[in-house]
Protein backbone atom coordinates (compact mmCIF):
# COMPACT_ATOMS: atom_id res chain seq x y z
CA MET A 1 84.18 154.23 136.97
CA MET A 2 83.70 150.60 135.95
CA ALA A 3 85.93 147.93 137.41
CA ALA A 4 88.57 146.67 135.02
CA GLU A 5 87.87 143.27 133.54
CA PRO A 6 90.51 140.75 134.56
CA LYS A 7 92.95 139.77 131.89
CA THR A 8 93.48 136.08 131.43
CA ALA A 9 96.88 134.59 130.72
CA VAL A 10 98.11 131.08 130.18
CA ALA A 11 101.79 130.73 131.00
CA ARG A 12 103.75 127.84 129.58
CA SER A 13 106.87 127.04 131.52
CA VAL A 14 109.74 127.00 129.08
CA GLY A 15 112.20 128.56 131.44
CA TRP A 16 112.04 131.40 133.93
CA ARG A 17 113.44 133.95 131.47
CA ALA A 18 110.65 133.26 128.98
CA VAL A 19 107.89 134.32 131.38
CA SER A 20 109.61 136.66 133.81
CA ASP A 21 109.92 139.87 131.79
CA VAL A 22 106.40 141.23 132.22
CA SER A 23 107.57 144.78 131.54
CA ALA A 24 108.57 143.84 128.00
CA VAL A 25 104.96 143.22 126.97
CA CYS A 26 102.97 145.67 129.14
CA GLN A 27 103.11 149.38 129.71
CA PRO A 28 103.38 150.51 133.38
CA SER A 29 99.89 152.03 133.31
CA ASP A 30 98.50 148.65 132.17
CA ARG A 31 99.97 146.85 135.17
CA MET A 32 99.09 148.93 138.19
CA ASN A 33 96.60 147.06 140.40
CA ARG A 34 95.03 145.35 137.42
CA PRO A 35 93.38 141.97 137.99
CA LEU A 36 95.11 139.12 136.17
CA ARG A 37 94.03 135.48 136.08
CA VAL A 38 96.91 133.10 135.39
CA LEU A 39 96.94 129.38 134.67
CA ILE A 40 100.45 128.12 135.31
CA VAL A 41 101.38 124.82 133.68
CA ASP A 42 104.43 123.66 135.59
CA ASP A 43 105.38 120.73 137.80
CA SER A 44 107.24 122.96 140.25
CA PRO A 45 105.24 124.77 142.95
CA ASP A 46 108.32 126.86 143.73
CA ASP A 47 108.61 128.12 140.15
CA ALA A 48 104.90 128.94 140.13
CA GLU A 49 105.30 130.97 143.31
CA LEU A 50 108.26 132.86 141.81
CA LEU A 51 106.15 133.77 138.79
CA ILE A 52 103.24 134.90 140.95
CA ARG A 53 105.57 136.96 143.15
CA GLU A 54 107.07 138.68 140.10
CA LEU A 55 103.64 139.52 138.67
CA LYS A 56 102.54 140.98 142.01
CA ARG A 57 105.75 142.97 142.22
CA GLU A 58 104.90 144.43 138.81
CA GLY A 59 101.57 145.64 140.18
CA TYR A 60 99.13 142.93 139.15
CA ASP A 61 96.36 141.63 141.40
CA VAL A 62 97.02 137.96 140.63
CA SER A 63 94.51 135.14 140.82
CA SER A 64 96.20 131.91 139.81
CA GLU A 65 95.85 128.19 139.42
CA ARG A 66 98.62 125.67 138.74
CA ALA A 67 98.29 122.48 136.72
CA ASP A 68 101.03 119.87 136.58
CA THR A 69 99.37 117.03 134.67
CA PRO A 70 97.39 116.79 131.43
CA THR A 71 94.30 115.89 133.48
CA GLY A 72 94.81 118.88 135.77
CA LEU A 73 95.25 121.18 132.78
CA ARG A 74 92.06 119.93 131.14
CA ALA A 75 90.13 120.33 134.41
CA ALA A 76 91.39 123.89 134.86
CA LEU A 77 90.50 124.83 131.29
CA ASP A 78 87.07 123.18 131.54
CA ALA A 79 86.36 125.08 134.76
CA GLN A 80 86.87 128.36 132.89
CA ALA A 81 84.56 127.47 129.98
């Protein structure tokens, strides 16, 4: 069996409710121990940790990076190119 390719997500912080309901967009079978790369654009490390914790609770194997400035965002996006 081939390893699942990691999904990539870019989360824009527009409020916790906007990004917290993972179950609304994914089926349970899609979430279980699936790798997920997340770029969090938020100036709050605490909010980023809450998002990561929620994704892990939903069964994702999360790899994340947080950017809190335009320069940091560009650097994170360039690193993925």
